[in-house]
């Protein structure tokens, strides 16, 4: 019994650990993702009465990307983020994909658009603002320290 224990212990020490494949989710700073993606040909826009406003991180608050201005109650106020006009279905690069995102500033609805990775809309006729406040990307066996270099 003692020999079996020693042999099992020796094998477990000598063999490398088994790495299990799986999807790695990485929360990215929206402002840094925007800054990197714009330089690499991605487009960001808001509907006509709204201004696109990148918001760098402040203190403990992460960076955001906002659409703000006087809204339109008769039409959808829309944000289009991570858009590629020349691709019918743009994908993040190197196997990265969108896991989830959050919008702050009030109610919103996700909008399914083929040429856009993140899009949402809301109705409001008063001064309005909605911000992409959280963005989570994922990749099989991904490395979060490389997400900005690889995904955009």
N, C-alpha and C. Protein backbone atom coordinates (compact mmCIF):
# COMPACT_ATOMS: atom_id res chain seq x y z
N UNK A 1 0.82 -1.18 0.00
CA UNK A 1 0.00 0.00 0.00
C UNK A 1 0.87 1.26 0.00
N UNK A 2 1.96 1.20 0.79
CA UNK A 2 2.87 2.33 0.86
C UNK A 2 3.56 2.55 -0.49
N UNK A 3 3.92 1.44 -1.19
CA UNK A 3 4.55 1.54 -2.51
C UNK A 3 3.58 2.17 -3.51
N UNK A 4 2.32 1.78 -3.46
CA UNK A 4 1.30 2.33 -4.36
C UNK A 4 1.15 3.83 -4.14
N UNK A 5 1.12 4.26 -2.91
CA UNK A 5 1.01 5.67 -2.59
C UNK A 5 2.21 6.45 -3.12
N UNK A 6 3.42 5.91 -2.88
CA UNK A 6 4.63 6.58 -3.34
C UNK A 6 4.69 6.65 -4.87
N UNK A 7 4.27 5.57 -5.54
CA UNK A 7 4.26 5.55 -6.98
C UNK A 7 3.24 6.56 -7.53
N UNK A 8 2.08 6.63 -6.94
CA UNK A 8 1.05 7.58 -7.36
C UNK A 8 1.53 9.01 -7.15
N UNK A 9 2.16 9.26 -6.00
CA UNK A 9 2.69 10.59 -5.70
C UNK A 9 3.78 10.98 -6.70
N UNK A 10 4.67 10.04 -7.01
CA UNK A 10 5.77 10.31 -7.94
C UNK A 10 5.22 10.63 -9.33
N UNK A 11 4.24 9.89 -9.78
CA UNK A 11 3.65 10.13 -11.10
C UNK A 11 2.99 11.50 -11.14
N UNK A 12 2.26 11.86 -10.09
CA UNK A 12 1.56 13.14 -10.08
C UNK A 12 2.54 14.31 -10.04
N UNK A 13 3.69 14.13 -9.46
CA UNK A 13 4.70 15.20 -9.40
C UNK A 13 5.44 15.31 -10.72
N UNK A 14 5.70 14.19 -11.38
CA UNK A 14 6.51 14.19 -12.59
C UNK A 14 5.73 14.57 -13.85
N UNK A 15 4.46 14.28 -13.90
CA UNK A 15 3.67 14.56 -15.09
C UNK A 15 3.19 16.02 -15.08
N UNK A 16 3.19 16.66 -16.24
CA UNK A 16 2.69 18.04 -16.29
C UNK A 16 1.18 18.06 -16.05
N UNK A 17 0.65 19.17 -15.54
CA UNK A 17 -0.78 19.25 -15.30
C UNK A 17 -1.55 19.23 -16.62
N UNK A 18 -2.72 18.69 -16.59
CA UNK A 18 -3.57 18.63 -17.77
C UNK A 18 -4.28 19.97 -17.91
N UNK A 19 -4.14 20.59 -19.07
CA UNK A 19 -4.81 21.86 -19.34
C UNK A 19 -6.11 21.55 -20.07
N UNK A 20 -7.20 21.99 -19.49
CA UNK A 20 -8.49 21.73 -20.11
C UNK A 20 -8.86 22.88 -21.03
N UNK A 21 -9.32 22.52 -22.20
CA UNK A 21 -9.78 23.53 -23.15
C UNK A 21 -11.09 24.11 -22.67
N UNK A 22 -11.29 25.38 -22.95
CA UNK A 22 -12.53 26.02 -22.56
C UNK A 22 -12.56 27.46 -23.03
N UNK A 23 -13.71 28.07 -22.92
CA UNK A 23 -13.89 29.46 -23.33
C UNK A 23 -13.50 30.37 -22.18
N UNK A 24 -12.71 31.37 -22.49
CA UNK A 24 -12.28 32.36 -21.50
C UNK A 24 -13.02 33.66 -21.78
N UNK A 25 -13.77 34.16 -20.79
CA UNK A 25 -14.48 35.44 -20.91
C UNK A 25 -13.63 36.54 -20.33
N UNK A 26 -13.56 37.66 -21.04
CA UNK A 26 -12.73 38.79 -20.62
C UNK A 26 -13.54 40.08 -20.69
N UNK A 27 -13.68 40.75 -19.56
CA UNK A 27 -14.33 42.07 -19.58
C UNK A 27 -13.28 43.08 -20.02
N UNK A 28 -13.61 43.82 -21.06
CA UNK A 28 -12.65 44.79 -21.61
C UNK A 28 -13.13 46.20 -21.30
N UNK A 29 -12.18 47.13 -21.21
CA UNK A 29 -12.52 48.52 -21.03
C UNK A 29 -13.09 49.04 -22.35
N UNK A 30 -14.31 49.55 -22.32
CA UNK A 30 -15.00 49.97 -23.53
C UNK A 30 -14.23 51.07 -24.25
N UNK A 31 -13.72 52.03 -23.51
CA UNK A 31 -12.98 53.14 -24.12
C UNK A 31 -11.71 52.63 -24.81
N UNK A 32 -10.98 51.75 -24.18
CA UNK A 32 -9.76 51.21 -24.78
C UNK A 32 -10.10 50.35 -25.99
N UNK A 33 -11.18 49.59 -25.91
CA UNK A 33 -11.62 48.79 -27.07
C UNK A 33 -11.98 49.71 -28.23
N UNK A 34 -12.72 50.78 -27.95
CA UNK A 34 -13.10 51.76 -28.97
C UNK A 34 -11.84 52.38 -29.60
N UNK A 35 -10.93 52.86 -28.76
CA UNK A 35 -9.71 53.51 -29.25
C UNK A 35 -8.89 52.59 -30.15
N UNK A 36 -8.77 51.35 -29.76
CA UNK A 36 -8.02 50.37 -30.55
C UNK A 36 -8.76 50.04 -31.85
N UNK A 37 -10.06 49.80 -31.75
CA UNK A 37 -10.84 49.37 -32.91
C UNK A 37 -10.93 50.46 -33.98
N UNK A 38 -11.07 51.71 -33.59
CA UNK A 38 -11.15 52.81 -34.57
C UNK A 38 -9.89 52.86 -35.41
N UNK A 39 -8.75 52.67 -34.79
CA UNK A 39 -7.48 52.70 -35.51
C UNK A 39 -7.36 51.54 -36.50
N UNK A 40 -8.17 50.52 -36.30
CA UNK A 40 -8.08 49.32 -37.16
C UNK A 40 -9.29 49.17 -38.08
N UNK A 41 -10.01 50.27 -38.30
CA UNK A 41 -11.05 50.27 -39.33
C UNK A 41 -12.47 49.99 -38.88
N UNK A 42 -12.72 49.84 -37.60
CA UNK A 42 -14.08 49.66 -37.12
C UNK A 42 -14.76 51.02 -37.04
N UNK A 43 -16.09 51.03 -37.23
CA UNK A 43 -16.86 52.27 -37.20
C UNK A 43 -17.84 52.27 -36.03
N UNK A 44 -18.13 53.46 -35.55
CA UNK A 44 -19.04 53.67 -34.43
C UNK A 44 -19.90 54.87 -34.78
N UNK A 45 -21.21 54.78 -34.55
CA UNK A 45 -22.07 55.92 -34.85
C UNK A 45 -23.35 55.87 -34.02
N UNK A 46 -24.03 57.01 -34.02
CA UNK A 46 -25.31 57.14 -33.34
C UNK A 46 -26.30 57.71 -34.36
N UNK A 47 -27.59 57.57 -34.09
CA UNK A 47 -28.57 58.14 -34.99
C UNK A 47 -28.40 59.65 -35.08
N UNK A 48 -29.03 60.27 -36.08
CA UNK A 48 -28.71 61.63 -36.51
C UNK A 48 -28.73 62.72 -35.44
N UNK A 49 -29.61 62.67 -34.49
CA UNK A 49 -29.70 63.75 -33.50
C UNK A 49 -28.80 63.52 -32.29
N UNK A 50 -28.05 62.44 -32.29
CA UNK A 50 -27.21 62.09 -31.15
C UNK A 50 -25.74 62.19 -31.51
N UNK A 51 -24.94 62.56 -30.53
CA UNK A 51 -23.50 62.66 -30.73
C UNK A 51 -22.80 61.47 -30.09
N UNK A 52 -21.82 60.93 -30.79
CA UNK A 52 -20.98 59.86 -30.25
C UNK A 52 -19.99 60.50 -29.28
N UNK A 53 -19.95 60.00 -28.05
CA UNK A 53 -19.09 60.58 -27.02
C UNK A 53 -18.27 59.50 -26.32
N UNK A 54 -16.99 59.37 -26.70
CA UNK A 54 -16.11 58.44 -25.97
C UNK A 54 -15.79 59.04 -24.59
N UNK A 55 -15.86 58.22 -23.57
CA UNK A 55 -15.61 58.68 -22.20
C UNK A 55 -14.47 57.86 -21.60
N UNK A 56 -13.28 58.47 -21.46
CA UNK A 56 -12.16 57.74 -20.88
C UNK A 56 -12.43 57.37 -19.42
N UNK A 57 -11.69 56.40 -18.89
CA UNK A 57 -11.87 56.02 -17.49
C UNK A 57 -11.61 57.20 -16.56
N UNK A 58 -12.38 57.25 -15.46
CA UNK A 58 -12.20 58.29 -14.44
C UNK A 58 -12.18 57.61 -13.09
N UNK A 59 -11.05 57.67 -12.41
CA UNK A 59 -10.94 57.03 -11.10
C UNK A 59 -11.20 55.54 -11.21
N UNK A 60 -12.16 55.06 -10.45
CA UNK A 60 -12.48 53.63 -10.47
C UNK A 60 -13.50 53.28 -11.56
N UNK A 61 -14.07 54.29 -12.22
CA UNK A 61 -15.06 54.03 -13.27
C UNK A 61 -14.35 53.68 -14.58
N UNK A 62 -14.77 52.61 -15.19
CA UNK A 62 -14.18 52.18 -16.45
C UNK A 62 -14.65 53.11 -17.57
N UNK A 63 -13.93 53.07 -18.68
CA UNK A 63 -14.29 53.88 -19.84
C UNK A 63 -15.61 53.43 -20.43
N UNK A 64 -16.26 54.36 -21.12
CA UNK A 64 -17.56 54.09 -21.74
C UNK A 64 -17.60 54.72 -23.13
N UNK A 65 -18.64 54.39 -23.85
CA UNK A 65 -18.90 54.98 -25.15
C UNK A 65 -20.38 55.32 -25.18
N UNK A 66 -20.69 56.61 -25.37
CA UNK A 66 -22.07 57.06 -25.23
C UNK A 66 -22.62 57.66 -26.53
N UNK A 67 -23.93 57.61 -26.64
CA UNK A 67 -24.69 58.38 -27.62
C UNK A 67 -25.55 59.31 -26.79
N UNK A 68 -25.44 60.62 -27.05
CA UNK A 68 -26.20 61.56 -26.24
C UNK A 68 -26.66 62.74 -27.07
N UNK A 69 -27.72 63.39 -26.60
CA UNK A 69 -28.29 64.55 -27.28
C UNK A 69 -29.78 64.58 -27.04
N UNK A 70 -30.50 65.32 -27.88
CA UNK A 70 -31.95 65.38 -27.78
C UNK A 70 -32.51 64.26 -28.64
N UNK A 71 -33.23 63.39 -28.01
CA UNK A 71 -33.74 62.22 -28.71
C UNK A 71 -34.95 62.51 -29.57
N UNK A 72 -35.49 61.49 -30.16
CA UNK A 72 -36.67 61.58 -31.02
C UNK A 72 -37.65 60.50 -30.59
N UNK A 73 -38.84 60.91 -30.15
CA UNK A 73 -39.83 59.95 -29.66
C UNK A 73 -40.49 59.17 -30.80
N UNK A 74 -40.51 59.74 -32.00
CA UNK A 74 -41.16 59.08 -33.13
C UNK A 74 -40.25 58.07 -33.83
N UNK A 75 -38.96 58.26 -33.68
CA UNK A 75 -37.99 57.35 -34.30
C UNK A 75 -37.13 56.73 -33.22
N UNK A 76 -36.52 55.63 -33.55
CA UNK A 76 -35.61 54.98 -32.61
C UNK A 76 -34.32 55.78 -32.51
N UNK A 77 -33.84 55.97 -31.30
CA UNK A 77 -32.51 56.51 -31.06
C UNK A 77 -31.58 55.31 -31.06
N UNK A 78 -30.63 55.28 -31.98
CA UNK A 78 -29.87 54.05 -32.20
C UNK A 78 -28.37 54.28 -32.03
N UNK A 79 -27.73 53.29 -31.45
CA UNK A 79 -26.27 53.25 -31.33
C UNK A 79 -25.77 52.05 -32.12
N UNK A 80 -24.78 52.31 -32.98
CA UNK A 80 -24.14 51.26 -33.76
C UNK A 80 -22.66 51.24 -33.38
N UNK A 81 -22.23 50.20 -32.71
CA UNK A 81 -20.84 50.11 -32.27
C UNK A 81 -20.19 48.85 -32.84
N UNK A 82 -18.96 48.97 -33.25
CA UNK A 82 -18.19 47.89 -33.86
C UNK A 82 -18.84 47.47 -35.18
N UNK A 83 -18.79 48.38 -36.12
CA UNK A 83 -19.42 48.17 -37.43
C UNK A 83 -18.34 48.10 -38.50
N UNK A 84 -18.57 47.23 -39.46
CA UNK A 84 -17.71 47.14 -40.64
C UNK A 84 -18.62 47.20 -41.86
N UNK A 85 -18.58 48.32 -42.58
CA UNK A 85 -19.48 48.51 -43.72
C UNK A 85 -19.28 47.49 -44.81
N UNK A 86 -18.07 47.06 -45.00
CA UNK A 86 -17.76 46.18 -46.11
C UNK A 86 -17.93 44.71 -45.77
N UNK A 87 -18.31 44.40 -44.55
CA UNK A 87 -18.55 43.00 -44.18
C UNK A 87 -20.03 42.81 -43.87
N UNK A 88 -20.62 41.77 -44.41
CA UNK A 88 -22.04 41.52 -44.14
C UNK A 88 -22.27 41.06 -42.70
N UNK A 89 -21.30 40.40 -42.13
CA UNK A 89 -21.40 39.96 -40.74
C UNK A 89 -20.03 40.09 -40.09
N UNK A 90 -19.71 41.28 -39.57
CA UNK A 90 -18.36 41.48 -39.04
C UNK A 90 -18.09 40.61 -37.83
N UNK A 91 -16.90 40.12 -37.76
CA UNK A 91 -16.52 39.29 -36.61
C UNK A 91 -15.27 39.88 -36.00
N UNK A 92 -15.17 39.73 -34.70
CA UNK A 92 -13.91 40.10 -34.07
C UNK A 92 -12.86 39.13 -34.58
N UNK A 93 -11.62 39.53 -34.55
CA UNK A 93 -10.56 38.74 -35.15
C UNK A 93 -10.03 37.66 -34.22
N UNK A 94 -9.31 36.73 -34.81
CA UNK A 94 -8.55 35.70 -34.09
C UNK A 94 -9.39 34.86 -33.13
N UNK A 95 -10.63 34.59 -33.49
CA UNK A 95 -11.46 33.70 -32.68
C UNK A 95 -12.20 34.37 -31.53
N UNK A 96 -12.04 35.67 -31.33
CA UNK A 96 -12.77 36.38 -30.27
C UNK A 96 -14.20 36.60 -30.72
N UNK A 97 -15.12 36.55 -29.78
CA UNK A 97 -16.53 36.81 -30.10
C UNK A 97 -17.20 37.53 -28.93
N UNK A 98 -18.31 38.15 -29.24
CA UNK A 98 -19.07 38.89 -28.24
C UNK A 98 -19.75 37.91 -27.29
N UNK A 99 -19.55 38.11 -26.00
CA UNK A 99 -20.23 37.30 -24.99
C UNK A 99 -21.46 38.07 -24.52
N UNK A 100 -21.25 39.28 -24.00
CA UNK A 100 -22.37 40.09 -23.52
C UNK A 100 -21.94 41.56 -23.44
N UNK A 101 -22.93 42.43 -23.29
CA UNK A 101 -22.64 43.83 -23.05
C UNK A 101 -23.76 44.44 -22.21
N UNK A 102 -23.45 45.58 -21.57
CA UNK A 102 -24.42 46.28 -20.76
C UNK A 102 -24.48 47.74 -21.19
N UNK A 103 -25.67 48.30 -21.09
CA UNK A 103 -25.90 49.70 -21.44
C UNK A 103 -26.45 50.40 -20.21
N UNK A 104 -25.89 51.56 -19.89
CA UNK A 104 -26.37 52.32 -18.74
C UNK A 104 -27.06 53.59 -19.23
N UNK A 105 -27.90 54.15 -18.38
CA UNK A 105 -28.58 55.41 -18.69
C UNK A 105 -30.08 55.27 -18.85
N UNK A 106 -30.60 54.08 -18.82
CA UNK A 106 -32.05 53.89 -18.96
C UNK A 106 -32.38 52.65 -19.76
N UNK A 107 -33.66 52.50 -20.03
CA UNK A 107 -34.12 51.34 -20.78
C UNK A 107 -33.58 51.37 -22.20
N UNK A 108 -33.37 50.18 -22.75
CA UNK A 108 -32.92 50.05 -24.14
C UNK A 108 -33.34 48.68 -24.64
N UNK A 109 -33.29 48.51 -25.94
CA UNK A 109 -33.58 47.23 -26.57
C UNK A 109 -32.41 46.88 -27.49
N UNK A 110 -32.03 45.63 -27.48
CA UNK A 110 -30.98 45.19 -28.41
C UNK A 110 -31.56 45.21 -29.81
N UNK A 111 -30.71 45.54 -30.74
CA UNK A 111 -31.11 45.66 -32.14
C UNK A 111 -30.23 44.72 -32.95
N UNK A 112 -30.83 43.79 -33.64
CA UNK A 112 -30.06 42.83 -34.44
C UNK A 112 -29.77 43.43 -35.80
N UNK A 113 -28.52 43.73 -36.03
CA UNK A 113 -28.08 44.26 -37.32
C UNK A 113 -26.94 43.39 -37.81
N UNK A 114 -26.98 43.03 -39.09
CA UNK A 114 -25.96 42.13 -39.62
C UNK A 114 -24.57 42.76 -39.68
N UNK A 115 -24.49 44.04 -39.95
CA UNK A 115 -23.18 44.66 -40.13
C UNK A 115 -22.62 45.27 -38.86
N UNK A 116 -23.25 45.00 -37.72
CA UNK A 116 -22.84 45.62 -36.47
C UNK A 116 -22.73 44.55 -35.39
N UNK A 117 -21.69 44.63 -34.56
CA UNK A 117 -21.54 43.68 -33.46
C UNK A 117 -22.36 44.09 -32.25
N UNK A 118 -22.43 45.39 -31.93
CA UNK A 118 -23.19 45.86 -30.77
C UNK A 118 -24.11 46.97 -31.25
N UNK A 119 -25.41 46.78 -31.11
CA UNK A 119 -26.35 47.84 -31.47
C UNK A 119 -27.56 47.76 -30.56
N UNK A 120 -28.09 48.94 -30.24
CA UNK A 120 -29.25 49.01 -29.37
C UNK A 120 -30.00 50.30 -29.67
N UNK A 121 -31.25 50.36 -29.23
CA UNK A 121 -32.06 51.56 -29.46
C UNK A 121 -32.95 51.83 -28.25
N UNK A 122 -33.48 53.05 -28.22
CA UNK A 122 -34.41 53.46 -27.17
C UNK A 122 -35.23 54.62 -27.70
N UNK A 123 -36.37 54.88 -27.06
CA UNK A 123 -37.24 55.99 -27.43
C UNK A 123 -37.19 57.05 -26.34
N UNK A 124 -36.97 58.30 -26.75
CA UNK A 124 -36.95 59.41 -25.80
C UNK A 124 -36.94 60.71 -26.58
N UNK A 125 -37.75 61.67 -26.16
CA UNK A 125 -37.75 62.96 -26.86
C UNK A 125 -37.02 64.04 -26.05
N UNK A 126 -36.62 63.71 -24.87
CA UNK A 126 -35.90 64.67 -24.04
C UNK A 126 -34.41 64.45 -24.20
N UNK A 127 -33.62 65.30 -23.55
CA UNK A 127 -32.18 65.12 -23.58
C UNK A 127 -31.87 63.72 -23.06
N UNK A 128 -31.12 62.98 -23.80
CA UNK A 128 -30.95 61.56 -23.50
C UNK A 128 -29.51 61.13 -23.67
N UNK A 129 -29.18 60.07 -22.99
CA UNK A 129 -27.83 59.50 -23.09
C UNK A 129 -27.90 58.02 -22.73
N UNK A 130 -27.29 57.20 -23.55
CA UNK A 130 -27.12 55.78 -23.25
C UNK A 130 -25.66 55.46 -23.51
N UNK A 131 -25.06 54.72 -22.58
CA UNK A 131 -23.64 54.41 -22.67
C UNK A 131 -23.41 52.91 -22.69
N UNK A 132 -22.53 52.48 -23.58
CA UNK A 132 -22.03 51.11 -23.53
C UNK A 132 -21.06 51.10 -22.36
N UNK A 133 -21.45 50.45 -21.28
CA UNK A 133 -20.67 50.52 -20.04
C UNK A 133 -19.92 49.23 -19.71
N UNK A 134 -20.30 48.14 -20.36
CA UNK A 134 -19.62 46.87 -20.10
C UNK A 134 -19.59 46.07 -21.40
N UNK A 135 -18.45 45.50 -21.68
CA UNK A 135 -18.26 44.70 -22.87
C UNK A 135 -17.45 43.47 -22.49
N UNK A 136 -18.01 42.30 -22.76
CA UNK A 136 -17.32 41.05 -22.44
C UNK A 136 -17.14 40.26 -23.74
N UNK A 137 -15.89 39.97 -24.05
CA UNK A 137 -15.57 39.14 -25.21
C UNK A 137 -15.09 37.79 -24.70
N UNK A 138 -15.14 36.81 -25.57
CA UNK A 138 -14.68 35.48 -25.17
C UNK A 138 -13.95 34.82 -26.33
N UNK A 139 -13.08 33.89 -25.94
CA UNK A 139 -12.31 33.12 -26.93
C UNK A 139 -11.95 31.79 -26.31
N UNK A 140 -11.97 30.76 -27.13
CA UNK A 140 -11.55 29.46 -26.63
C UNK A 140 -10.06 29.53 -26.29
N UNK A 141 -9.74 29.17 -25.06
CA UNK A 141 -8.38 29.26 -24.54
C UNK A 141 -7.80 30.67 -24.68
N UNK A 142 -8.66 31.69 -24.55
CA UNK A 142 -8.23 33.08 -24.72
C UNK A 142 -7.36 33.57 -23.58
N UNK A 143 -6.59 34.59 -23.89
CA UNK A 143 -5.71 35.24 -22.91
C UNK A 143 -6.18 36.69 -22.82
N UNK A 144 -6.75 37.07 -21.68
CA UNK A 144 -7.32 38.41 -21.51
C UNK A 144 -6.28 39.51 -21.71
N UNK A 145 -5.04 39.24 -21.46
CA UNK A 145 -4.01 40.26 -21.63
C UNK A 145 -3.75 40.57 -23.11
N UNK A 146 -4.26 39.73 -23.99
CA UNK A 146 -4.04 39.92 -25.44
C UNK A 146 -5.30 40.36 -26.18
N UNK A 147 -6.39 40.57 -25.47
CA UNK A 147 -7.67 40.82 -26.14
C UNK A 147 -7.63 42.04 -27.03
N UNK A 148 -7.00 43.14 -26.62
CA UNK A 148 -6.99 44.36 -27.43
C UNK A 148 -6.15 44.17 -28.69
N UNK A 149 -5.05 43.45 -28.58
CA UNK A 149 -4.20 43.20 -29.74
C UNK A 149 -4.84 42.22 -30.71
N UNK A 150 -5.53 41.23 -30.19
CA UNK A 150 -6.04 40.15 -31.05
C UNK A 150 -7.44 40.39 -31.59
N UNK A 151 -8.34 40.94 -30.80
CA UNK A 151 -9.76 40.96 -31.17
C UNK A 151 -10.12 41.98 -32.24
N UNK A 152 -9.41 43.10 -32.28
CA UNK A 152 -9.81 44.17 -33.18
C UNK A 152 -8.87 44.31 -34.36
